Amino acid sequence: MTLQEAQKQVDDWIKTYGVRYFGELTNMAILTEEVGELARVISRTYGEQSFKKSDKEANLADEMADVLWVLICMANQTGVDLTEAFEKNMQKKTERDNTRHLENDKLLKSDNSQQTTV
């Protein structure tokens, strides 16, 4: 699925089941809440905190999808084409950081304990 397809799918869902988009400020608050839920799963899965009984059902992929959902809603309601925005952002990062990380001794000396596969 492309970003454009995801934006259309979310928009279709909102129009069919959601009545309307929440306001931009409400969606910003929801995005913050969803990022917090994602942080909770990350801190308990990869950090030092232990899971509470109420956290046992938490799902990393689902929390990431929740964040993406709200971000797509915000893009749709503000007229942002995420494909175009992402392509421009990648170009900006490449131009700005094309040697920065390759020359970062902190990254070059790090161990592989933080490395995960996608």
PDB file of N, CA and C in Angstrom:
ATOM      1  N   MET A   1       0.843  -1.180   0.000  1.00  0.00           N
ATOM      2  CA  MET A   1       0.000   0.000   0.000  1.00  0.00           C
ATOM      3  C   MET A   1       0.889   1.244   0.000  1.00  0.00           C
ATOM      4  N   THR A   2       0.556   2.188  -0.814  1.00  0.00           N
ATOM      5  CA  THR A   2       1.297   3.445  -0.854  1.00  0.00           C
ATOM      6  C   THR A   2       0.730   4.413   0.186  1.00  0.00           C
ATOM      7  N   LEU A   3       1.460   5.464   0.445  1.00  0.00           N
ATOM      8  CA  LEU A   3       0.949   6.498   1.350  1.00  0.00           C
ATOM      9  C   LEU A   3      -0.328   7.119   0.789  1.00  0.00           C
ATOM     10  N   GLN A   4      -0.347   7.333  -0.513  1.00  0.00           N
ATOM     11  CA  GLN A   4      -1.535   7.901  -1.151  1.00  0.00           C
ATOM     12  C   GLN A   4      -2.748   6.982  -0.972  1.00  0.00           C
ATOM     13  N   GLU A   5      -2.534   5.681  -1.140  1.00  0.00           N
ATOM     14  CA  GLU A   5      -3.622   4.725  -0.933  1.00  0.00           C
ATOM     15  C   GLU A   5      -4.072   4.714   0.525  1.00  0.00           C
ATOM     16  N   ALA A   6      -3.117   4.816   1.443  1.00  0.00           N
ATOM     17  CA  ALA A   6      -3.466   4.850   2.864  1.00  0.00           C
ATOM     18  C   ALA A   6      -4.293   6.094   3.178  1.00  0.00           C
ATOM     19  N   GLN A   7      -3.900   7.225   2.618  1.00  0.00           N
ATOM     20  CA  GLN A   7      -4.654   8.455   2.850  1.00  0.00           C
ATOM     21  C   GLN A   7      -6.083   8.317   2.325  1.00  0.00           C
ATOM     22  N   LYS A   8      -6.238   7.711   1.170  1.00  0.00           N
ATOM     23  CA  LYS A   8      -7.582   7.519   0.610  1.00  0.00           C
ATOM     24  C   LYS A   8      -8.381   6.532   1.453  1.00  0.00           C
ATOM     25  N   GLN A   9      -7.761   5.460   1.880  1.00  0.00           N
ATOM     26  CA  GLN A   9      -8.463   4.461   2.684  1.00  0.00           C
ATOM     27  C   GLN A   9      -8.960   5.060   4.001  1.00  0.00           C
ATOM     28  N   VAL A  10      -8.119   5.857   4.652  1.00  0.00           N
ATOM     29  CA  VAL A  10      -8.535   6.518   5.895  1.00  0.00           C
ATOM     30  C   VAL A  10      -9.674   7.490   5.613  1.00  0.00           C
ATOM     31  N   ASP A  11      -9.555   8.267   4.546  1.00  0.00           N
ATOM     32  CA  ASP A  11     -10.598   9.231   4.213  1.00  0.00           C
ATOM     33  C   ASP A  11     -11.922   8.515   3.929  1.00  0.00           C
ATOM     34  N   ASP A  12     -11.865   7.428   3.181  1.00  0.00           N
ATOM     35  CA  ASP A  12     -13.076   6.648   2.894  1.00  0.00           C
ATOM     36  C   ASP A  12     -13.689   6.112   4.184  1.00  0.00           C
ATOM     37  N   TRP A  13     -12.843   5.635   5.106  1.00  0.00           N
ATOM     38  CA  TRP A  13     -13.340   5.104   6.373  1.00  0.00           C
ATOM     39  C   TRP A  13     -14.035   6.198   7.182  1.00  0.00           C
ATOM     40  N   ILE A  14     -13.388   7.358   7.253  1.00  0.00           N
ATOM     41  CA  ILE A  14     -13.968   8.479   8.003  1.00  0.00           C
ATOM     42  C   ILE A  14     -15.331   8.840   7.412  1.00  0.00           C
ATOM     43  N   LYS A  15     -15.417   8.918   6.100  1.00  0.00           N
ATOM     44  CA  LYS A  15     -16.674   9.295   5.444  1.00  0.00           C
ATOM     45  C   LYS A  15     -17.754   8.227   5.612  1.00  0.00           C
ATOM     46  N   THR A  16     -17.356   6.971   5.756  1.00  0.00           N
ATOM     47  CA  THR A  16     -18.321   5.877   5.887  1.00  0.00           C
ATOM     48  C   THR A  16     -18.720   5.627   7.336  1.00  0.00           C
ATOM     49  N   TYR A  17     -17.739   5.605   8.239  1.00  0.00           N
ATOM     50  CA  TYR A  17     -17.991   5.205   9.621  1.00  0.00           C
ATOM     51  C   TYR A  17     -17.745   6.298  10.657  1.00  0.00           C
ATOM     52  N   GLY A  18     -16.953   7.263  10.329  1.00  0.00           N
ATOM     53  CA  GLY A  18     -16.506   8.220  11.336  1.00  0.00           C
ATOM     54  C   GLY A  18     -17.302   9.494  11.433  1.00  0.00           C
ATOM     55  N   VAL A  19     -18.297   9.678  10.605  1.00  0.00           N
ATOM     56  CA  VAL A  19     -19.129  10.873  10.539  1.00  0.00           C
ATOM     57  C   VAL A  19     -18.339  12.052   9.982  1.00  0.00           C
ATOM     58  N   ARG A  20     -17.244  12.418  10.636  1.00  0.00           N
ATOM     59  CA  ARG A  20     -16.366  13.507  10.171  1.00  0.00           C
ATOM     60  C   ARG A  20     -15.039  13.384  10.894  1.00  0.00           C
ATOM     61  N   TYR A  21     -14.048  14.134  10.416  1.00  0.00           N
ATOM     62  CA  TYR A  21     -12.767  14.195  11.121  1.00  0.00           C
ATOM     63  C   TYR A  21     -12.950  14.971  12.409  1.00  0.00           C
ATOM     64  N   PHE A  22     -12.238  14.558  13.456  1.00  0.00           N
ATOM     65  CA  PHE A  22     -12.161  15.392  14.647  1.00  0.00           C
ATOM     66  C   PHE A  22     -11.404  16.659  14.252  1.00  0.00           C
ATOM     67  N   GLY A  23     -11.544  17.711  15.022  1.00  0.00           N
ATOM     68  CA  GLY A  23     -10.807  18.937  14.757  1.00  0.00           C
ATOM     69  C   GLY A  23      -9.299  18.714  14.854  1.00  0.00           C
ATOM     70  N   GLU A  24      -8.556  19.604  14.244  1.00  0.00           N
ATOM     71  CA  GLU A  24      -7.098  19.475  14.217  1.00  0.00           C
ATOM     72  C   GLU A  24      -6.488  19.438  15.620  1.00  0.00           C
ATOM     73  N   LEU A  25      -6.980  20.274  16.511  1.00  0.00           N
ATOM     74  CA  LEU A  25      -6.437  20.283  17.877  1.00  0.00           C
ATOM     75  C   LEU A  25      -6.777  18.987  18.608  1.00  0.00           C
ATOM     76  N   THR A  26      -7.974  18.472  18.395  1.00  0.00           N
ATOM     77  CA  THR A  26      -8.346  17.192  18.997  1.00  0.00           C
ATOM     78  C   THR A  26      -7.450  16.092  18.457  1.00  0.00           C
ATOM     79  N   ASN A  27      -7.232  16.087  17.155  1.00  0.00           N
ATOM     80  CA  ASN A  27      -6.358  15.059  16.575  1.00  0.00           C
ATOM     81  C   ASN A  27      -4.922  15.201  17.052  1.00  0.00           C
ATOM     82  N   MET A  28      -4.468  16.418  17.301  1.00  0.00           N
ATOM     83  CA  MET A  28      -3.122  16.589  17.844  1.00  0.00           C
ATOM     84  C   MET A  28      -3.039  15.976  19.234  1.00  0.00           C
ATOM     85  N   ALA A  29      -4.072  16.185  20.034  1.00  0.00           N
ATOM     86  CA  ALA A  29      -4.102  15.594  21.372  1.00  0.00           C
ATOM     87  C   ALA A  29      -4.164  14.068  21.283  1.00  0.00           C
ATOM     88  N   ILE A  30      -4.961  13.553  20.347  1.00  0.00           N
ATOM     89  CA  ILE A  30      -5.057  12.097  20.167  1.00  0.00           C
ATOM     90  C   ILE A  30      -3.715  11.534  19.708  1.00  0.00           C
ATOM     91  N   LEU A  31      -3.041  12.237  18.798  1.00  0.00           N
ATOM     92  CA  LEU A  31      -1.726  11.791  18.339  1.00  0.00           C
ATOM     93  C   LEU A  31      -0.753  11.707  19.511  1.00  0.00           C
ATOM     94  N   THR A  32      -0.776  12.716  20.360  1.00  0.00           N
ATOM     95  CA  THR A  32       0.097  12.725  21.539  1.00  0.00           C
ATOM     96  C   THR A  32      -0.221  11.537  22.442  1.00  0.00           C
ATOM     97  N   GLU A  33      -1.500  11.264  22.630  1.00  0.00           N
ATOM     98  CA  GLU A  33      -1.921  10.124  23.442  1.00  0.00           C
ATOM     99  C   GLU A  33      -1.425   8.812  22.833  1.00  0.00           C
ATOM    100  N   GLU A  34      -1.581   8.667  21.528  1.00  0.00           N
ATOM    101  CA  GLU A  34      -1.160   7.431  20.855  1.00  0.00           C
ATOM    102  C   GLU A  34       0.356   7.255  20.903  1.00  0.00           C
ATOM    103  N   VAL A  35       1.104   8.338  20.753  1.00  0.00           N
ATOM    104  CA  VAL A  35       2.563   8.260  20.870  1.00  0.00           C
ATOM    105  C   VAL A  35       2.941   7.843  22.289  1.00  0.00           C
ATOM    106  N   GLY A  36       2.206   8.335  23.275  1.00  0.00           N
ATOM    107  CA  GLY A  36       2.446   7.921  24.655  1.00  0.00           C
ATOM    108  C   GLY A  36       2.210   6.433  24.857  1.00  0.00           C
ATOM    109  N   GLU A  37       1.161   5.905  24.230  1.00  0.00           N
ATOM    110  CA  GLU A  37       0.883   4.469  24.334  1.00  0.00           C
ATOM    111  C   GLU A  37       1.990   3.661  23.663  1.00  0.00           C
ATOM    112  N   LEU A  38       2.483   4.152  22.538  1.00  0.00           N
ATOM    113  CA  LEU A  38       3.606   3.500  21.863  1.00  0.00           C
ATOM    114  C   LEU A  38       4.849   3.540  22.752  1.00  0.00           C
ATOM    115  N   ALA A  39       5.103   4.678  23.356  1.00  0.00           N
ATOM    116  CA  ALA A  39       6.260   4.818  24.252  1.00  0.00           C
ATOM    117  C   ALA A  39       6.151   3.852  25.429  1.00  0.00           C
ATOM    118  N   ARG A  40       4.953   3.661  25.930  1.00  0.00           N
ATOM    119  CA  ARG A  40       4.735   2.739  27.050  1.00  0.00           C
ATOM    120  C   ARG A  40       5.136   1.315  26.657  1.00  0.00           C
ATOM    121  N   VAL A  41       4.716   0.881  25.470  1.00  0.00           N
ATOM    122  CA  VAL A  41       5.070  -0.467  25.013  1.00  0.00           C
ATOM    123  C   VAL A  41       6.574  -0.582  24.797  1.00  0.00           C
ATOM    124  N   ILE A  42       7.181   0.427  24.182  1.00  0.00           N
ATOM    125  CA  ILE A  42       8.621   0.411  23.933  1.00  0.00           C
ATOM    126  C   ILE A  42       9.389   0.366  25.255  1.00  0.00           C
ATOM    127  N   SER A  43       8.982   1.196  26.215  1.00  0.00           N
ATOM    128  CA  SER A  43       9.721   1.253  27.478  1.00  0.00           C
ATOM    129  C   SER A  43       9.611  -0.049  28.264  1.00  0.00           C
ATOM    130  N   ARG A  44       8.509  -0.743  28.096  1.00  0.00           N
ATOM    131  CA  ARG A  44       8.342  -1.999  28.814  1.00  0.00           C
ATOM    132  C   ARG A  44       8.946  -3.183  28.053  1.00  0.00           C
ATOM    133  N   THR A  45       8.976  -3.092  26.751  1.00  0.00           N
ATOM    134  CA  THR A  45       9.541  -4.185  25.946  1.00  0.00           C
ATOM    135  C   THR A  45      11.063  -4.096  25.874  1.00  0.00           C
ATOM    136  N   TYR A  46      11.592  -2.889  25.673  1.00  0.00           N
ATOM    137  CA  TYR A  46      13.025  -2.722  25.451  1.00  0.00           C
ATOM    138  C   TYR A  46      13.730  -1.987  26.584  1.00  0.00           C
ATOM    139  N   GLY A  47      12.975  -1.360  27.462  1.00  0.00           N
ATOM    140  CA  GLY A  47      13.561  -0.612  28.569  1.00  0.00           C
ATOM    141  C   GLY A  47      13.523  -1.404  29.856  1.00  0.00           C
ATOM    142  N   GLU A  48      13.718  -0.705  30.944  1.00  0.00           N
ATOM    143  CA  GLU A  48      13.829  -1.337  32.244  1.00  0.00           C
ATOM    144  C   GLU A  48      12.494  -1.520  32.952  1.00  0.00           C
ATOM    145  N   GLN A  49      11.434  -0.878  32.463  1.00  0.00           N
ATOM    146  CA  GLN A  49      10.151  -1.004  33.148  1.00  0.00           C
ATOM    147  C   GLN A  49       9.525  -2.367  32.872  1.00  0.00           C
ATOM    148  N   SER A  50       8.815  -2.873  33.857  1.00  0.00           N
ATOM    149  CA  SER A  50       8.114  -4.149  33.674  1.00  0.00           C
ATOM    150  C   SER A  50       6.666  -3.875  33.272  1.00  0.00           C
ATOM    151  N   PHE A  51       6.066  -4.866  32.664  1.00  0.00           N
ATOM    152  CA  PHE A  51       4.671  -4.754  32.257  1.00  0.00           C
ATOM    153  C   PHE A  51       3.766  -4.874  33.477  1.00  0.00           C
ATOM    154  N   LYS A  52       2.729  -4.052  33.507  1.00  0.00           N
ATOM    155  CA  LYS A  52       1.658  -4.211  34.481  1.00  0.00           C
ATOM    156  C   LYS A  52       0.662  -5.183  33.864  1.00  0.00           C
ATOM    157  N   LYS A  53      -0.216  -5.721  34.679  1.00  0.00           N
ATOM    158  CA  LYS A  53      -1.242  -6.630  34.153  1.00  0.00           C
ATOM    159  C   LYS A  53      -2.029  -5.968  33.027  1.00  0.00           C
ATOM    160  N   SER A  54      -2.334  -4.685  33.203  1.00  0.00           N
ATOM    161  CA  SER A  54      -3.115  -3.967  32.193  1.00  0.00           C
ATOM    162  C   SER A  54      -2.334  -3.730  30.901  1.00  0.00           C
ATOM    163  N   ASP A  55      -1.005  -3.871  30.936  1.00  0.00           N
ATOM    164  CA  ASP A  55      -0.166  -3.663  29.756  1.00  0.00           C
ATOM    165  C   ASP A  55       0.040  -4.935  28.946  1.00  0.00           C
ATOM    166  N   LYS A  56      -0.348  -6.070  29.482  1.00  0.00           N
ATOM    167  CA  LYS A  56      -0.025  -7.361  28.865  1.00  0.00           C
ATOM    168  C   LYS A  56      -0.593  -7.510  27.460  1.00  0.00           C
ATOM    169  N   GLU A  57      -1.696  -6.861  27.186  1.00  0.00           N
ATOM    170  CA  GLU A  57      -2.336  -6.981  25.871  1.00  0.00           C
ATOM    171  C   GLU A  57      -1.770  -5.983  24.857  1.00  0.00           C
ATOM    172  N   ALA A  58      -0.886  -5.121  25.284  1.00  0.00           N
ATOM    173  CA  ALA A  58      -0.334  -4.099  24.394  1.00  0.00           C
ATOM    174  C   ALA A  58       0.427  -4.748  23.246  1.00  0.00           C
ATOM    175  N   ASN A  59       0.270  -4.149  22.074  1.00  0.00           N
ATOM    176  CA  ASN A  59       0.855  -4.699  20.862  1.00  0.00           C
ATOM    177  C   ASN A  59       1.619  -3.593  20.148  1.00  0.00           C
ATOM    178  N   LEU A  60       2.914  -3.775  19.980  1.00  0.00           N
ATOM    179  CA  LEU A  60       3.772  -2.760  19.368  1.00  0.00           C
ATOM    180  C   LEU A  60       3.280  -2.350  17.986  1.00  0.00           C
ATOM    181  N   ALA A  61       2.995  -3.309  17.138  1.00  0.00           N
ATOM    182  CA  ALA A  61       2.555  -3.006  15.770  1.00  0.00           C
ATOM    183  C   ALA A  61       1.238  -2.234  15.776  1.00  0.00           C
ATOM    184  N   ASP A  62       0.320  -2.637  16.638  1.00  0.00           N
ATOM    185  CA  ASP A  62      -0.970  -1.961  16.717  1.00  0.00           C
ATOM    186  C   ASP A  62      -0.805  -0.527  17.190  1.00  0.00           C
ATOM    187  N   GLU A  63       0.081  -0.306  18.161  1.00  0.00           N
ATOM    188  CA  GLU A  63       0.316   1.056  18.645  1.00  0.00           C
ATOM    189  C   GLU A  63       0.944   1.924  17.554  1.00  0.00           C
ATOM    190  N   MET A  64       1.861   1.351  16.784  1.00  0.00           N
ATOM    191  CA  MET A  64       2.445   2.101  15.665  1.00  0.00           C
ATOM    192  C   MET A  64       1.380   2.440  14.625  1.00  0.00           C
ATOM    193  N   ALA A  65       0.500   1.484  14.358  1.00  0.00           N
ATOM    194  CA  ALA A  65      -0.575   1.725  13.393  1.00  0.00           C
ATOM    195  C   ALA A  65      -1.526   2.808  13.890  1.00  0.00           C
ATOM    196  N   ASP A  66      -1.788   2.846  15.203  1.00  0.00           N
ATOM    197  CA  ASP A  66      -2.628   3.915  15.760  1.00  0.00           C
ATOM    198  C   ASP A  66      -2.004   5.285  15.519  1.00  0.00           C
ATOM    199  N   VAL A  67      -0.698   5.386  15.729  1.00  0.00           N
ATOM    200  CA  VAL A  67       0.004   6.654  15.487  1.00  0.00           C
ATOM    201  C   VAL A  67      -0.112   7.032  14.010  1.00  0.00           C
ATOM    202  N   LEU A  68       0.115   6.071  13.141  1.00  0.00           N
ATOM    203  CA  LEU A  68       0.040   6.321  11.695  1.00  0.00           C
ATOM    204  C   LEU A  68      -1.365   6.751  11.298  1.00  0.00           C
ATOM    205  N   TRP A  69      -2.373   6.102  11.851  1.00  0.00           N
ATOM    206  CA  TRP A  69      -3.772   6.434  11.549  1.00  0.00           C
ATOM    207  C   TRP A  69      -4.050   7.914  11.844  1.00  0.00           C
ATOM    208  N   VAL A  70      -3.698   8.355  13.031  1.00  0.00           N
ATOM    209  CA  VAL A  70      -3.993   9.742  13.413  1.00  0.00           C
ATOM    210  C   VAL A  70      -3.168  10.714  12.576  1.00  0.00           C
ATOM    211  N   LEU A  71      -1.926  10.364  12.291  1.00  0.00           N
ATOM    212  CA  LEU A  71      -1.093  11.215  11.446  1.00  0.00           C
ATOM    213  C   LEU A  71      -1.704  11.352  10.047  1.00  0.00           C
ATOM    214  N   ILE A  72      -2.216  10.250   9.519  1.00  0.00           N
ATOM    215  CA  ILE A  72      -2.871  10.302   8.207  1.00  0.00           C
ATOM    216  C   ILE A  72      -4.133  11.155   8.277  1.00  0.00           C
ATOM    217  N   CYS A  73      -4.903  11.010   9.357  1.00  0.00           N
ATOM    218  CA  CYS A  73      -6.085  11.866   9.521  1.00  0.00           C
ATOM    219  C   CYS A  73      -5.695  13.341   9.487  1.00  0.00           C
ATOM    220  N   MET A  74      -4.643  13.682  10.210  1.00  0.00           N
ATOM    221  CA  MET A  74      -4.202  15.077  10.262  1.00  0.00           C
ATOM    222  C   MET A  74      -3.732  15.554   8.888  1.00  0.00           C
ATOM    223  N   ALA A  75      -3.041  14.683   8.162  1.00  0.00           N
ATOM    224  CA  ALA A  75      -2.605  15.047   6.806  1.00  0.00           C
ATOM    225  C   ALA A  75      -3.816  15.291   5.913  1.00  0.00           C
ATOM    226  N   ASN A  76      -4.777  14.403   5.974  1.00  0.00           N
ATOM    227  CA  ASN A  76      -5.967  14.549   5.136  1.00  0.00           C
ATOM    228  C   ASN A  76      -6.712  15.842   5.436  1.00  0.00           C
ATOM    229  N   GLN A  77      -6.920  16.138   6.694  1.00  0.00           N
ATOM    230  CA  GLN A  77      -7.734  17.296   7.021  1.00  0.00           C
ATOM    231  C   GLN A  77      -7.004  18.618   6.817  1.00  0.00           C
ATOM    232  N   THR A  78      -5.684  18.574   6.705  1.00  0.00           N
ATOM    233  CA  THR A  78      -4.925  19.813   6.473  1.00  0.00           C
ATOM    234  C   THR A  78      -4.398  19.914   5.043  1.00  0.00           C
ATOM    235  N   GLY A  79      -4.749  18.940   4.207  1.00  0.00           N
ATOM    236  CA  GLY A  79      -4.370  19.000   2.806  1.00  0.00           C
ATOM    237  C   GLY A  79      -2.925  18.624   2.511  1.00  0.00           C
ATOM    238  N   VAL A  80      -2.309  17.851   3.374  1.00  0.00           N
ATOM    239  CA  VAL A  80      -0.921  17.441   3.168  1.00  0.00           C
ATOM    240  C   VAL A  80      -0.891  16.128   2.373  1.00  0.00           C
ATOM    241  N   ASP A  81      -0.164  16.133   1.278  1.00  0.00           N
ATOM    242  CA  ASP A  81       0.086  14.922   0.509  1.00  0.00           C
ATOM    243  C   ASP A  81       1.308  14.259   1.143  1.00  0.00           C
ATOM    244  N   LEU A  82       1.086  13.173   1.872  1.00  0.00           N
ATOM    245  CA  LEU A  82       2.188  12.542   2.604  1.00  0.00           C
ATOM    246  C   LEU A  82       3.262  11.974   1.688  1.00  0.00           C
ATOM    247  N   THR A  83       2.900  11.521   0.507  1.00  0.00           N
ATOM    248  CA  THR A  83       3.900  11.016  -0.438  1.00  0.00           C
ATOM    249  C   THR A  83       4.861  12.134  -0.808  1.00  0.00           C
ATOM    250  N   GLU A  84       4.311  13.258  -1.208  1.00  0.00           N
ATOM    251  CA  GLU A  84       5.129  14.415  -1.583  1.00  0.00           C
ATOM    252  C   GLU A  84       5.947  14.916  -0.394  1.00  0.00           C
ATOM    253  N   ALA A  85       5.313  15.005   0.762  1.00  0.00           N
ATOM    254  CA  ALA A  85       6.002  15.499   1.960  1.00  0.00           C
ATOM    255  C   ALA A  85       7.145  14.573   2.346  1.00  0.00           C
ATOM    256  N   PHE A  86       6.903  13.260   2.279  1.00  0.00           N
ATOM    257  CA  PHE A  86       7.936  12.304   2.653  1.00  0.00           C
ATOM    258  C   PHE A  86       9.103  12.343   1.671  1.00  0.00           C
ATOM    259  N   GLU A  87       8.803  12.433   0.382  1.00  0.00           N
ATOM    260  CA  GLU A  87       9.870  12.509  -0.620  1.00  0.00           C
ATOM    261  C   GLU A  87      10.730  13.755  -0.414  1.00  0.00           C
ATOM    262  N   LYS A  88      10.094  14.885  -0.144  1.00  0.00           N
ATOM    263  CA  LYS A  88      10.840  16.118   0.115  1.00  0.00           C
ATOM    264  C   LYS A  88      11.670  15.999   1.390  1.00  0.00           C
ATOM    265  N   ASN A  89      11.112  15.353   2.400  1.00  0.00           N
ATOM    266  CA  ASN A  89      11.816  15.193   3.660  1.00  0.00           C
ATOM    267  C   ASN A  89      13.030  14.287   3.490  1.00  0.00           C
ATOM    268  N   MET A  90      12.897  13.219   2.716  1.00  0.00           N
ATOM    269  CA  MET A  90      14.032  12.333   2.459  1.00  0.00           C
ATOM    270  C   MET A  90      15.143  13.078   1.714  1.00  0.00           C
ATOM    271  N   GLN A  91      14.752  13.900   0.752  1.00  0.00           N
ATOM    272  CA  GLN A  91      15.741  14.685   0.013  1.00  0.00           C
ATOM    273  C   GLN A  91      16.456  15.658   0.945  1.00  0.00           C
ATOM    274  N   LYS A  92      15.697  16.321   1.810  1.00  0.00           N
ATOM    275  CA  LYS A  92      16.279  17.265   2.766  1.00  0.00           C
ATOM    276  C   LYS A  92      17.279  16.553   3.675  1.00  0.00           C
ATOM    277  N   LYS A  93      16.884  15.415   4.215  1.00  0.00           N
ATOM    278  CA  LYS A  93      17.767  14.671   5.104  1.00  0.00           C
ATOM    279  C   LYS A  93      19.018  14.195   4.385  1.00  0.00           C
ATOM    280  N   THR A  94      18.855  13.748   3.157  1.00  0.00           N
ATOM    281  CA  THR A  94      19.997  13.257   2.386  1.00  0.00           C
ATOM    282  C   THR A  94      20.992  14.381   2.106  1.00  0.00           C
ATOM    283  N   GLU A  95      20.473  15.530   1.704  1.00  0.00           N
ATOM    284  CA  GLU A  95      21.349  16.667   1.430  1.00  0.00           C
ATOM    285  C   GLU A  95      22.031  17.173   2.694  1.00  0.00           C
ATOM    286  N   ARG A  96      21.293  17.236   3.761  1.00  0.00           N
ATOM    287  CA  ARG A  96      21.812  17.790   5.007  1.00  0.00           C
ATOM    288  C   ARG A  96      22.734  16.818   5.733  1.00  0.00           C
ATOM    289  N   ASP A  97      22.404  15.550   5.708  1.00  0.00           N
ATOM    290  CA  ASP A  97      23.084  14.574   6.561  1.00  0.00           C
ATOM    291  C   ASP A  97      23.847  13.505   5.784  1.00  0.00           C
ATOM    292  N   ASN A  98      24.189  13.776   4.533  1.00  0.00           N
ATOM    293  CA  ASN A  98      24.779  12.715   3.708  1.00  0.00           C
ATOM    294  C   ASN A  98      26.105  12.181   4.237  1.00  0.00           C
ATOM    295  N   THR A  99      26.812  12.925   5.075  1.00  0.00           N
ATOM    296  CA  THR A  99      28.037  12.392   5.691  1.00  0.00           C
ATOM    297  C   THR A  99      28.019  12.490   7.215  1.00  0.00           C
ATOM    298  N   ARG A 100      27.068  13.218   7.744  1.00  0.00           N
ATOM    299  CA  ARG A 100      27.032  13.492   9.190  1.00  0.00           C
ATOM    300  C   ARG A 100      27.068  12.209  10.031  1.00  0.00           C
ATOM    301  N   HIS A 101      26.210  11.250   9.730  1.00  0.00           N
ATOM    302  CA  HIS A 101      26.149  10.030  10.538  1.00  0.00           C
ATOM    303  C   HIS A 101      27.311   9.096  10.252  1.00  0.00           C
ATOM    304  N   LEU A 102      27.786   9.110   9.026  1.00  0.00           N
ATOM    305  CA  LEU A 102      28.936   8.277   8.663  1.00  0.00           C
ATOM    306  C   LEU A 102      30.206   8.740   9.365  1.00  0.00           C
ATOM    307  N   GLU A 103      30.240  10.012   9.760  1.00  0.00           N
ATOM    308  CA  GLU A 103      31.401  10.575  10.439  1.00  0.00           C
ATOM    309  C   GLU A 103      31.211  10.682  11.953  1.00  0.00           C
ATOM    310  N   ASN A 104      30.139  10.135  12.475  1.00  0.00           N
ATOM    311  CA  ASN A 104      29.825  10.242  13.892  1.00  0.00           C
ATOM    312  C   ASN A 104      30.485   9.089  14.644  1.00  0.00           C
ATOM    313  N   ASP A 105      31.527   9.405  15.390  1.00  0.00           N
ATOM    314  CA  ASP A 105      32.251   8.385  16.155  1.00  0.00           C
ATOM    315  C   ASP A 105      31.345   7.655  17.135  1.00  0.00           C
ATOM    316  N   LYS A 106      30.357   8.346  17.667  1.00  0.00           N
ATOM    317  CA  LYS A 106      29.446   7.704  18.607  1.00  0.00           C
ATOM    318  C   LYS A 106      28.674   6.568  17.940  1.00  0.00           C
ATOM    319  N   LEU A 107      28.313   6.750  16.687  1.00  0.00           N
ATOM    320  CA  LEU A 107      27.591   5.698  15.966  1.00  0.00           C
ATOM    321  C   LEU A 107      28.530   4.585  15.515  1.00  0.00           C
ATOM    322  N   LEU A 108      29.719   4.964  15.100  1.00  0.00           N
ATOM    323  CA  LEU A 108      30.666   3.979  14.589  1.00  0.00           C
ATOM    324  C   LEU A 108      31.173   3.058  15.688  1.00  0.00           C
ATOM    325  N   LYS A 109      31.215   3.554  16.920  1.00  0.00           N
ATOM    326  CA  LYS A 109      31.743   2.772  18.035  1.00  0.00           C
ATOM    327  C   LYS A 109      30.653   2.023  18.797  1.00  0.00           C
ATOM    328  N   SER A 110      29.400   2.223  18.429  1.00  0.00           N
ATOM    329  CA  SER A 110      28.321   1.598  19.198  1.00  0.00           C
ATOM    330  C   SER A 110      28.317   0.089  19.003  1.00  0.00           C
ATOM    331  N   ASP A 111      27.810  -0.592  20.028  1.00  0.00           N
ATOM    332  CA  ASP A 111      27.699  -2.042  19.914  1.00  0.00           C
ATOM    333  C   ASP A 111      26.426  -2.388  19.152  1.00  0.00           C
ATOM    334  N   ASN A 112      26.224  -3.627  18.876  1.00  0.00           N
ATOM    335  CA  ASN A 112      25.070  -4.058  18.105  1.00  0.00           C
ATOM    336  C   ASN A 112      23.882  -4.402  18.978  1.00  0.00           C
ATOM    337  N   SER A 113      23.928  -4.122  20.277  1.00  0.00           N
ATOM    338  CA  SER A 113      22.847  -4.506  21.173  1.00  0.00           C
ATOM    339  C   SER A 113      21.552  -3.765  20.858  1.00  0.00           C
ATOM    340  N   GLN A 114      21.632  -2.618  20.220  1.00  0.00           N
ATOM    341  CA  GLN A 114      20.430  -1.842  19.883  1.00  0.00           C
ATOM    342  C   GLN A 114      19.891  -2.205  18.508  1.00  0.00           C
ATOM    343  N   GLN A 115      20.597  -3.032  17.787  1.00  0.00           N
ATOM    344  CA  GLN A 115      20.220  -3.344  16.418  1.00  0.00           C
ATOM    345  C   GLN A 115      19.060  -4.326  16.390  1.00  0.00           C
ATOM    346  N   THR A 116      18.036  -4.004  15.623  1.00  0.00           N
ATOM    347  CA  THR A 116      16.919  -4.918  15.429  1.00  0.00           C
ATOM    348  C   THR A 116      16.613  -4.993  13.953  1.00  0.00           C
ATOM    349  N   THR A 117      15.909  -6.001  13.574  1.00  0.00           N
ATOM    350  CA  THR A 117      15.525  -6.133  12.176  1.00  0.00           C
ATOM    351  C   THR A 117      14.090  -5.682  12.002  1.00  0.00           C
ATOM    352  N   VAL A 118      13.790  -5.206  10.836  1.00  0.00           N
ATOM    353  CA  VAL A 118      12.437  -4.747  10.532  1.00  0.00           C
ATOM    354  C   VAL A 118      11.696  -5.776   9.729  1.00  0.00           C
TER     355      VAL A 118
END
